[in-house]
Amino acid sequence: MFHSIDDFINLWGHEGNSTQKVLDALTDESLNQQVTADHRTLGRLAWHVVTSLDEMLSRTGLKFEGAKHDGPVPTSAKEIAEQYRTSNENMVAAIKAQWTDDSLKEVDDMYGEKWPKGLTLSIINSHQIHHRGQMTVLMRQAGLRVPGVYGPSLEEWGEHGMEAPTL
């Protein structure tokens, strides 16, 4: 749970940038990749990450322009990545403008539970990380290069002058 806006903004900066790198690596062709027919496609999963910013934080009363979850999934990877970029920037600006550290103690009805805003920020961060991990698996299955998030990806080892770990 976050107790200060600055702590959230600092961590979100890294996590949001990492998510943006993953979304920027998608291609239009990769958006249909899925594990099985009854699971979300990579495009649906990416769009879920994008729209969750508005969907979750609108429940707290935060006002900002963000991609809406009830719209159709774009067929353009570039559009998905751009929508995340815009929603993310607008969300961060709104948090800075509309909330204070004391706001993080305020409790909202979130999916039938009572969450302090500081917990909601923690959960939206974990939610993004969770789905980003799922996306990287689908990206590998689709033959895409996966960008490093918490260190170099397999493809990046050699670019950093290191020997890739053996399997």
N, C-alpha and C. Protein backbone atom coordinates (compact mmCIF):
# COMPACT_ATOMS: atom_id res chain seq x y z
N MET A 1 0.84 -1.17 0.00
CA MET A 1 0.00 0.00 0.00
C MET A 1 0.89 1.23 0.00
N PHE A 2 0.54 2.18 -0.81
CA PHE A 2 1.31 3.41 -0.89
C PHE A 2 0.79 4.42 0.14
N HIS A 3 1.75 5.14 0.74
CA HIS A 3 1.42 6.17 1.72
C HIS A 3 1.79 7.55 1.23
N SER A 4 2.48 7.61 0.08
CA SER A 4 2.80 8.92 -0.50
C SER A 4 2.67 8.86 -2.02
N ILE A 5 2.22 9.97 -2.57
CA ILE A 5 2.09 10.10 -4.02
C ILE A 5 3.46 9.92 -4.67
N ASP A 6 4.49 10.54 -4.09
CA ASP A 6 5.83 10.44 -4.67
C ASP A 6 6.32 9.00 -4.75
N ASP A 7 6.05 8.20 -3.71
CA ASP A 7 6.48 6.80 -3.75
C ASP A 7 5.80 6.06 -4.90
N PHE A 8 4.51 6.30 -5.07
CA PHE A 8 3.81 5.67 -6.18
C PHE A 8 4.38 6.14 -7.52
N ILE A 9 4.52 7.44 -7.70
CA ILE A 9 4.99 8.00 -8.97
C ILE A 9 6.38 7.45 -9.31
N ASN A 10 7.25 7.34 -8.31
CA ASN A 10 8.60 6.81 -8.57
C ASN A 10 8.56 5.36 -9.03
N LEU A 11 7.80 4.52 -8.35
CA LEU A 11 7.72 3.12 -8.76
C LEU A 11 6.95 2.98 -10.08
N TRP A 12 5.85 3.70 -10.20
CA TRP A 12 5.06 3.63 -11.42
C TRP A 12 5.86 4.08 -12.63
N GLY A 13 6.75 5.04 -12.44
CA GLY A 13 7.58 5.49 -13.56
C GLY A 13 8.32 4.33 -14.19
N HIS A 14 8.95 3.49 -13.38
CA HIS A 14 9.67 2.33 -13.92
C HIS A 14 8.69 1.32 -14.50
N GLU A 15 7.65 1.00 -13.76
CA GLU A 15 6.71 -0.04 -14.21
C GLU A 15 5.94 0.41 -15.45
N GLY A 16 5.53 1.66 -15.49
CA GLY A 16 4.83 2.17 -16.66
C GLY A 16 5.72 2.17 -17.89
N ASN A 17 6.99 2.57 -17.71
CA ASN A 17 7.94 2.54 -18.82
C ASN A 17 8.17 1.11 -19.31
N SER A 18 8.22 0.18 -18.39
CA SER A 18 8.41 -1.23 -18.78
C SER A 18 7.20 -1.74 -19.56
N THR A 19 6.02 -1.40 -19.10
CA THR A 19 4.82 -1.80 -19.83
C THR A 19 4.80 -1.15 -21.21
N GLN A 20 5.19 0.10 -21.28
CA GLN A 20 5.22 0.78 -22.58
C GLN A 20 6.18 0.08 -23.54
N LYS A 21 7.34 -0.36 -23.04
CA LYS A 21 8.30 -1.08 -23.89
C LYS A 21 7.69 -2.37 -24.44
N VAL A 22 6.97 -3.08 -23.59
CA VAL A 22 6.34 -4.32 -24.03
C VAL A 22 5.26 -4.02 -25.08
N LEU A 23 4.43 -3.03 -24.82
CA LEU A 23 3.37 -2.69 -25.78
C LEU A 23 3.96 -2.18 -27.10
N ASP A 24 5.04 -1.43 -27.02
CA ASP A 24 5.68 -0.92 -28.24
C ASP A 24 6.28 -2.03 -29.10
N ALA A 25 6.55 -3.18 -28.49
CA ALA A 25 7.15 -4.31 -29.22
C ALA A 25 6.11 -5.18 -29.93
N LEU A 26 4.84 -4.94 -29.68
CA LEU A 26 3.79 -5.73 -30.33
C LEU A 26 3.67 -5.37 -31.80
N THR A 27 3.20 -6.31 -32.57
CA THR A 27 2.89 -6.09 -33.99
C THR A 27 1.42 -6.39 -34.21
N ASP A 28 0.89 -5.88 -35.30
CA ASP A 28 -0.51 -6.15 -35.61
C ASP A 28 -0.75 -7.65 -35.71
N GLU A 29 0.18 -8.37 -36.33
CA GLU A 29 0.03 -9.81 -36.51
C GLU A 29 0.04 -10.56 -35.19
N SER A 30 0.77 -10.05 -34.21
CA SER A 30 0.89 -10.75 -32.93
C SER A 30 -0.35 -10.63 -32.06
N LEU A 31 -1.23 -9.70 -32.35
CA LEU A 31 -2.37 -9.43 -31.48
C LEU A 31 -3.34 -10.62 -31.38
N ASN A 32 -3.31 -11.52 -32.35
CA ASN A 32 -4.20 -12.69 -32.32
C ASN A 32 -3.61 -13.89 -31.59
N GLN A 33 -2.37 -13.79 -31.12
CA GLN A 33 -1.72 -14.90 -30.43
C GLN A 33 -2.45 -15.20 -29.13
N GLN A 34 -2.70 -16.48 -28.89
CA GLN A 34 -3.30 -16.89 -27.62
C GLN A 34 -2.81 -18.29 -27.28
N VAL A 35 -2.89 -18.63 -26.00
CA VAL A 35 -2.43 -19.93 -25.55
C VAL A 35 -3.37 -21.02 -26.06
N THR A 36 -4.66 -20.83 -25.85
CA THR A 36 -5.69 -21.72 -26.37
C THR A 36 -6.88 -20.87 -26.79
N ALA A 37 -7.81 -21.49 -27.48
CA ALA A 37 -8.95 -20.77 -28.04
C ALA A 37 -9.84 -20.14 -26.96
N ASP A 38 -9.78 -20.65 -25.74
CA ASP A 38 -10.65 -20.11 -24.69
C ASP A 38 -9.92 -19.12 -23.77
N HIS A 39 -8.76 -18.64 -24.19
CA HIS A 39 -8.01 -17.64 -23.42
C HIS A 39 -7.94 -16.34 -24.20
N ARG A 40 -7.63 -15.26 -23.49
CA ARG A 40 -7.50 -13.95 -24.12
C ARG A 40 -6.38 -13.97 -25.16
N THR A 41 -6.61 -13.23 -26.23
CA THR A 41 -5.53 -13.03 -27.20
C THR A 41 -4.55 -12.02 -26.62
N LEU A 42 -3.39 -11.94 -27.21
CA LEU A 42 -2.39 -10.95 -26.80
C LEU A 42 -2.96 -9.55 -26.94
N GLY A 43 -3.72 -9.30 -28.01
CA GLY A 43 -4.33 -7.99 -28.21
C GLY A 43 -5.35 -7.67 -27.13
N ARG A 44 -6.19 -8.63 -26.77
CA ARG A 44 -7.19 -8.43 -25.71
C ARG A 44 -6.49 -8.18 -24.37
N LEU A 45 -5.46 -8.94 -24.10
CA LEU A 45 -4.71 -8.78 -22.85
C LEU A 45 -4.05 -7.41 -22.78
N ALA A 46 -3.42 -7.00 -23.89
CA ALA A 46 -2.78 -5.67 -23.93
C ALA A 46 -3.83 -4.57 -23.74
N TRP A 47 -4.97 -4.71 -24.40
CA TRP A 47 -6.02 -3.70 -24.28
C TRP A 47 -6.57 -3.66 -22.85
N HIS A 48 -6.66 -4.82 -22.21
CA HIS A 48 -7.10 -4.89 -20.81
C HIS A 48 -6.15 -4.08 -19.92
N VAL A 49 -4.86 -4.22 -20.13
CA VAL A 49 -3.89 -3.44 -19.35
C VAL A 49 -4.12 -1.95 -19.56
N VAL A 50 -4.32 -1.55 -20.80
CA VAL A 50 -4.53 -0.14 -21.14
C VAL A 50 -5.79 0.39 -20.47
N THR A 51 -6.90 -0.31 -20.64
CA THR A 51 -8.18 0.21 -20.16
C THR A 51 -8.36 0.08 -18.65
N SER A 52 -7.56 -0.75 -18.02
CA SER A 52 -7.67 -0.92 -16.57
C SER A 52 -7.32 0.35 -15.81
N LEU A 53 -6.49 1.20 -16.40
CA LEU A 53 -6.14 2.45 -15.72
C LEU A 53 -7.40 3.26 -15.45
N ASP A 54 -8.18 3.49 -16.49
CA ASP A 54 -9.42 4.25 -16.33
C ASP A 54 -10.47 3.45 -15.57
N GLU A 55 -10.63 2.18 -15.91
CA GLU A 55 -11.67 1.37 -15.29
C GLU A 55 -11.49 1.32 -13.77
N MET A 56 -10.28 1.07 -13.31
CA MET A 56 -10.06 0.95 -11.87
C MET A 56 -10.08 2.32 -11.18
N LEU A 57 -9.37 3.27 -11.72
CA LEU A 57 -9.24 4.54 -11.01
C LEU A 57 -10.47 5.42 -11.12
N SER A 58 -11.33 5.20 -12.10
CA SER A 58 -12.58 5.96 -12.14
C SER A 58 -13.45 5.60 -10.94
N ARG A 59 -13.28 4.41 -10.41
CA ARG A 59 -14.03 3.98 -9.22
C ARG A 59 -13.64 4.77 -7.98
N THR A 60 -12.48 5.43 -8.02
CA THR A 60 -12.02 6.23 -6.88
C THR A 60 -12.42 7.68 -7.00
N GLY A 61 -13.02 8.05 -8.13
CA GLY A 61 -13.38 9.44 -8.36
C GLY A 61 -12.31 10.23 -9.10
N LEU A 62 -11.18 9.59 -9.42
CA LEU A 62 -10.13 10.28 -10.16
C LEU A 62 -10.64 10.59 -11.56
N LYS A 63 -10.47 11.82 -11.99
CA LYS A 63 -10.95 12.26 -13.31
C LYS A 63 -9.78 12.46 -14.26
N PHE A 64 -9.78 11.69 -15.35
CA PHE A 64 -8.78 11.86 -16.40
C PHE A 64 -9.27 11.17 -17.66
N GLU A 65 -8.70 11.57 -18.79
CA GLU A 65 -9.05 10.95 -20.06
C GLU A 65 -8.21 9.67 -20.23
N GLY A 66 -8.91 8.56 -20.29
CA GLY A 66 -8.24 7.28 -20.47
C GLY A 66 -9.05 6.39 -21.38
N ALA A 67 -8.40 5.41 -21.97
CA ALA A 67 -9.08 4.45 -22.84
C ALA A 67 -10.14 3.72 -22.04
N LYS A 68 -11.31 3.55 -22.63
CA LYS A 68 -12.46 2.94 -21.95
C LYS A 68 -12.51 1.43 -22.20
N HIS A 69 -12.83 0.68 -21.16
CA HIS A 69 -12.82 -0.79 -21.24
C HIS A 69 -13.97 -1.36 -22.04
N ASP A 70 -15.02 -0.58 -22.27
CA ASP A 70 -16.16 -1.14 -22.98
C ASP A 70 -16.08 -0.95 -24.49
N GLY A 71 -14.99 -0.37 -24.97
CA GLY A 71 -14.82 -0.22 -26.41
C GLY A 71 -14.21 -1.45 -27.04
N PRO A 72 -14.24 -1.54 -28.36
CA PRO A 72 -13.65 -2.69 -29.05
C PRO A 72 -12.12 -2.68 -28.94
N VAL A 73 -11.55 -3.86 -29.00
CA VAL A 73 -10.10 -3.99 -28.98
C VAL A 73 -9.56 -3.50 -30.32
N PRO A 74 -8.63 -2.56 -30.30
CA PRO A 74 -8.05 -2.09 -31.56
C PRO A 74 -7.33 -3.22 -32.30
N THR A 75 -7.30 -3.13 -33.60
CA THR A 75 -6.58 -4.12 -34.42
C THR A 75 -5.18 -3.63 -34.74
N SER A 76 -4.83 -2.47 -34.25
CA SER A 76 -3.51 -1.89 -34.48
C SER A 76 -2.70 -1.90 -33.19
N ALA A 77 -1.55 -2.56 -33.22
CA ALA A 77 -0.66 -2.59 -32.06
C ALA A 77 -0.20 -1.19 -31.70
N LYS A 78 0.05 -0.39 -32.72
CA LYS A 78 0.49 0.99 -32.48
C LYS A 78 -0.58 1.77 -31.73
N GLU A 79 -1.84 1.58 -32.09
CA GLU A 79 -2.93 2.28 -31.40
C GLU A 79 -3.00 1.87 -29.93
N ILE A 80 -2.85 0.58 -29.66
CA ILE A 80 -2.88 0.10 -28.27
C ILE A 80 -1.74 0.76 -27.49
N ALA A 81 -0.55 0.77 -28.05
CA ALA A 81 0.60 1.37 -27.36
C ALA A 81 0.40 2.87 -27.15
N GLU A 82 -0.15 3.55 -28.13
CA GLU A 82 -0.38 5.00 -28.00
C GLU A 82 -1.47 5.30 -26.98
N GLN A 83 -2.49 4.46 -26.95
CA GLN A 83 -3.56 4.66 -25.96
C GLN A 83 -3.03 4.47 -24.54
N TYR A 84 -2.11 3.52 -24.36
CA TYR A 84 -1.50 3.35 -23.04
C TYR A 84 -0.68 4.59 -22.69
N ARG A 85 0.12 5.05 -23.63
CA ARG A 85 0.98 6.22 -23.38
C ARG A 85 0.12 7.41 -22.92
N THR A 86 -0.95 7.67 -23.65
CA THR A 86 -1.82 8.81 -23.32
C THR A 86 -2.55 8.60 -22.00
N SER A 87 -3.14 7.42 -21.82
CA SER A 87 -3.87 7.14 -20.58
C SER A 87 -2.94 7.22 -19.38
N ASN A 88 -1.76 6.67 -19.51
CA ASN A 88 -0.77 6.67 -18.44
C ASN A 88 -0.38 8.10 -18.07
N GLU A 89 -0.04 8.91 -19.06
CA GLU A 89 0.35 10.30 -18.80
C GLU A 89 -0.79 11.06 -18.14
N ASN A 90 -2.00 10.88 -18.64
CA ASN A 90 -3.16 11.57 -18.07
C ASN A 90 -3.44 11.11 -16.64
N MET A 91 -3.29 9.82 -16.39
CA MET A 91 -3.53 9.29 -15.05
C MET A 91 -2.54 9.87 -14.06
N VAL A 92 -1.26 9.86 -14.40
CA VAL A 92 -0.23 10.39 -13.50
C VAL A 92 -0.48 11.88 -13.22
N ALA A 93 -0.78 12.64 -14.26
CA ALA A 93 -1.05 14.07 -14.08
C ALA A 93 -2.26 14.28 -13.17
N ALA A 94 -3.29 13.47 -13.34
CA ALA A 94 -4.50 13.59 -12.52
C ALA A 94 -4.21 13.26 -11.06
N ILE A 95 -3.44 12.22 -10.81
CA ILE A 95 -3.09 11.86 -9.43
C ILE A 95 -2.34 13.01 -8.78
N LYS A 96 -1.37 13.56 -9.49
CA LYS A 96 -0.59 14.68 -8.93
C LYS A 96 -1.47 15.90 -8.65
N ALA A 97 -2.45 16.15 -9.51
CA ALA A 97 -3.29 17.34 -9.39
C ALA A 97 -4.45 17.17 -8.41
N GLN A 98 -5.00 15.95 -8.33
CA GLN A 98 -6.24 15.76 -7.59
C GLN A 98 -6.07 15.12 -6.22
N TRP A 99 -4.96 14.45 -5.99
CA TRP A 99 -4.77 13.74 -4.72
C TRP A 99 -3.59 14.29 -3.96
N THR A 100 -3.62 14.08 -2.65
CA THR A 100 -2.50 14.37 -1.76
C THR A 100 -2.14 13.08 -1.05
N ASP A 101 -1.09 13.13 -0.26
CA ASP A 101 -0.74 11.93 0.52
C ASP A 101 -1.90 11.52 1.43
N ASP A 102 -2.62 12.49 1.98
CA ASP A 102 -3.77 12.17 2.83
C ASP A 102 -4.89 11.49 2.04
N SER A 103 -5.01 11.80 0.76
CA SER A 103 -6.03 11.16 -0.08
C SER A 103 -5.85 9.65 -0.12
N LEU A 104 -4.63 9.20 0.02
CA LEU A 104 -4.35 7.77 -0.10
C LEU A 104 -4.97 6.95 1.02
N LYS A 105 -5.39 7.62 2.09
CA LYS A 105 -6.07 6.95 3.20
C LYS A 105 -7.57 6.84 2.97
N GLU A 106 -8.11 7.63 2.04
CA GLU A 106 -9.54 7.60 1.77
C GLU A 106 -9.95 6.25 1.20
N VAL A 107 -11.11 5.77 1.62
CA VAL A 107 -11.58 4.43 1.25
C VAL A 107 -12.67 4.54 0.18
N ASP A 108 -12.56 3.68 -0.82
CA ASP A 108 -13.52 3.63 -1.92
C ASP A 108 -14.10 2.22 -2.02
N ASP A 109 -15.29 2.13 -2.59
CA ASP A 109 -15.89 0.83 -2.89
C ASP A 109 -15.25 0.31 -4.16
N MET A 110 -14.50 -0.75 -4.04
CA MET A 110 -13.79 -1.35 -5.17
C MET A 110 -14.21 -2.82 -5.28
N TYR A 111 -15.09 -3.06 -6.25
CA TYR A 111 -15.51 -4.43 -6.55
C TYR A 111 -16.12 -5.13 -5.33
N GLY A 112 -16.92 -4.36 -4.56
CA GLY A 112 -17.60 -4.92 -3.39
C GLY A 112 -16.76 -4.94 -2.13
N GLU A 113 -15.55 -4.43 -2.21
CA GLU A 113 -14.68 -4.34 -1.04
C GLU A 113 -14.36 -2.87 -0.78
N LYS A 114 -13.82 -2.58 0.38
CA LYS A 114 -13.42 -1.22 0.74
C LYS A 114 -11.89 -1.15 0.71
N TRP A 115 -11.38 -0.35 -0.24
CA TRP A 115 -9.94 -0.22 -0.40
C TRP A 115 -9.53 1.24 -0.20
N PRO A 116 -8.50 1.48 0.59
CA PRO A 116 -7.93 2.83 0.62
C PRO A 116 -7.30 3.11 -0.75
N LYS A 117 -7.28 4.36 -1.16
CA LYS A 117 -6.69 4.72 -2.45
C LYS A 117 -5.25 4.23 -2.56
N GLY A 118 -4.50 4.25 -1.46
CA GLY A 118 -3.12 3.77 -1.48
C GLY A 118 -3.04 2.29 -1.83
N LEU A 119 -4.03 1.51 -1.41
CA LEU A 119 -4.09 0.09 -1.78
C LEU A 119 -4.48 -0.06 -3.25
N THR A 120 -5.41 0.75 -3.70
CA THR A 120 -5.81 0.69 -5.10
C THR A 120 -4.61 0.95 -6.01
N LEU A 121 -3.78 1.92 -5.66
CA LEU A 121 -2.58 2.19 -6.46
C LEU A 121 -1.63 1.00 -6.45
N SER A 122 -1.50 0.35 -5.31
CA SER A 122 -0.65 -0.83 -5.23
C SER A 122 -1.19 -1.96 -6.09
N ILE A 123 -2.51 -2.15 -6.04
CA ILE A 123 -3.12 -3.23 -6.81
C ILE A 123 -3.05 -2.95 -8.31
N ILE A 124 -3.25 -1.71 -8.73
CA ILE A 124 -3.18 -1.42 -10.17
C ILE A 124 -1.75 -1.64 -10.67
N ASN A 125 -0.78 -1.37 -9.83
CA ASN A 125 0.61 -1.62 -10.20
C ASN A 125 0.87 -3.13 -10.33
N SER A 126 0.43 -3.90 -9.34
CA SER A 126 0.61 -5.36 -9.40
C SER A 126 -0.18 -5.97 -10.56
N HIS A 127 -1.35 -5.45 -10.81
CA HIS A 127 -2.19 -5.92 -11.92
C HIS A 127 -1.45 -5.76 -13.24
N GLN A 128 -0.84 -4.61 -13.42
CA GLN A 128 -0.08 -4.34 -14.65
C GLN A 128 1.10 -5.31 -14.79
N ILE A 129 1.82 -5.52 -13.71
CA ILE A 129 2.97 -6.43 -13.72
C ILE A 129 2.52 -7.85 -14.06
N HIS A 130 1.45 -8.29 -13.44
CA HIS A 130 0.92 -9.63 -13.66
C HIS A 130 0.60 -9.86 -15.14
N HIS A 131 -0.15 -8.95 -15.72
CA HIS A 131 -0.53 -9.13 -17.12
C HIS A 131 0.64 -8.90 -18.07
N ARG A 132 1.57 -8.06 -17.70
CA ARG A 132 2.75 -7.86 -18.55
C ARG A 132 3.53 -9.17 -18.66
N GLY A 133 3.62 -9.91 -17.58
CA GLY A 133 4.28 -11.22 -17.62
C GLY A 133 3.57 -12.19 -18.55
N GLN A 134 2.24 -12.20 -18.48
CA GLN A 134 1.49 -13.05 -19.40
C GLN A 134 1.74 -12.65 -20.85
N MET A 135 1.80 -11.35 -21.08
CA MET A 135 2.01 -10.86 -22.44
C MET A 135 3.36 -11.30 -22.99
N THR A 136 4.40 -11.32 -22.15
CA THR A 136 5.72 -11.70 -22.67
C THR A 136 5.75 -13.15 -23.11
N VAL A 137 5.00 -14.01 -22.44
CA VAL A 137 4.92 -15.41 -22.87
C VAL A 137 4.27 -15.49 -24.25
N LEU A 138 3.16 -14.79 -24.42
CA LEU A 138 2.48 -14.79 -25.72
C LEU A 138 3.35 -14.15 -26.79
N MET A 139 4.12 -13.15 -26.42
CA MET A 139 5.03 -12.52 -27.38
C MET A 139 6.07 -13.53 -27.88
N ARG A 140 6.61 -14.32 -26.98
CA ARG A 140 7.58 -15.35 -27.39
C ARG A 140 6.92 -16.35 -28.33
N GLN A 141 5.71 -16.77 -27.99
CA GLN A 141 4.99 -17.71 -28.85
C GLN A 141 4.73 -17.11 -30.23
N ALA A 142 4.56 -15.80 -30.29
CA ALA A 142 4.29 -15.13 -31.56
C ALA A 142 5.58 -14.81 -32.32
N GLY A 143 6.73 -15.18 -31.73
CA GLY A 143 8.00 -14.95 -32.39
C GLY A 143 8.53 -13.53 -32.27
N LEU A 144 8.01 -12.77 -31.30
CA LEU A 144 8.47 -11.40 -31.10
C LEU A 144 9.68 -11.34 -30.18
N ARG A 145 10.44 -10.31 -30.35
CA ARG A 145 11.54 -10.00 -29.44
C ARG A 145 10.95 -9.39 -28.17
N VAL A 146 11.28 -9.95 -27.03
CA VAL A 146 10.76 -9.47 -25.75
C VAL A 146 11.77 -8.49 -25.15
N PRO A 147 11.33 -7.28 -24.83
CA PRO A 147 12.25 -6.32 -24.22
C PRO A 147 12.53 -6.68 -22.76
N GLY A 148 13.71 -6.35 -22.31
CA GLY A 148 14.06 -6.56 -20.91
C GLY A 148 13.24 -5.64 -20.02
N VAL A 149 12.88 -6.15 -18.87
CA VAL A 149 12.10 -5.35 -17.92
C VAL A 149 12.89 -5.17 -16.62
N TYR A 150 13.26 -6.26 -15.98
CA TYR A 150 14.04 -6.19 -14.74
C TYR A 150 15.47 -6.64 -14.97
N GLY A 151 15.94 -6.43 -16.15
CA GLY A 151 17.25 -6.85 -16.59
C GLY A 151 17.13 -7.26 -18.05
N PRO A 152 18.23 -7.64 -18.65
CA PRO A 152 18.17 -7.96 -20.09
C PRO A 152 17.35 -9.22 -20.36
N SER A 153 16.63 -9.18 -21.47
CA SER A 153 15.93 -10.37 -21.93
C SER A 153 16.96 -11.28 -22.60
N LEU A 154 16.55 -12.47 -22.94
CA LEU A 154 17.46 -13.41 -23.59
C LEU A 154 18.11 -12.77 -24.81
N GLU A 155 17.30 -12.07 -25.61
CA GLU A 155 17.81 -11.44 -26.83
C GLU A 155 18.80 -10.32 -26.54
N GLU A 156 18.70 -9.72 -25.39
CA GLU A 156 19.54 -8.56 -25.07
C GLU A 156 20.88 -8.92 -24.43
N TRP A 157 21.04 -10.14 -23.96
CA TRP A 157 22.29 -10.52 -23.29
C TRP A 157 23.51 -10.21 -24.17
N GLY A 158 23.49 -10.71 -25.39
CA GLY A 158 24.63 -10.51 -26.29
C GLY A 158 24.86 -9.05 -26.60
N GLU A 159 23.80 -8.27 -26.70
CA GLU A 159 23.93 -6.84 -26.97
C GLU A 159 24.63 -6.10 -25.83
N HIS A 160 24.61 -6.70 -24.65
CA HIS A 160 25.26 -6.11 -23.49
C HIS A 160 26.63 -6.74 -23.25
N GLY A 161 27.11 -7.52 -24.22
CA GLY A 161 28.42 -8.15 -24.10
C GLY A 161 28.47 -9.29 -23.13
N MET A 162 27.32 -9.90 -22.86
CA MET A 162 27.27 -11.00 -21.91
C MET A 162 26.86 -12.28 -22.63
N GLU A 163 27.24 -13.38 -22.06
CA GLU A 163 26.84 -14.66 -22.61
C GLU A 163 25.48 -15.03 -22.03
N ALA A 164 24.55 -15.40 -22.89
CA ALA A 164 23.22 -15.76 -22.45
C ALA A 164 23.30 -17.01 -21.56
N PRO A 165 22.47 -17.07 -20.54
CA PRO A 165 22.47 -18.27 -19.68
C PRO A 165 22.04 -19.48 -20.48
N THR A 166 22.58 -20.61 -20.13
CA THR A 166 22.21 -21.85 -20.82
C THR A 166 20.97 -22.43 -20.16
N LEU A 167 20.24 -23.17 -20.94
CA LEU A 167 19.00 -23.77 -20.42
C LEU A 167 19.26 -25.07 -19.74
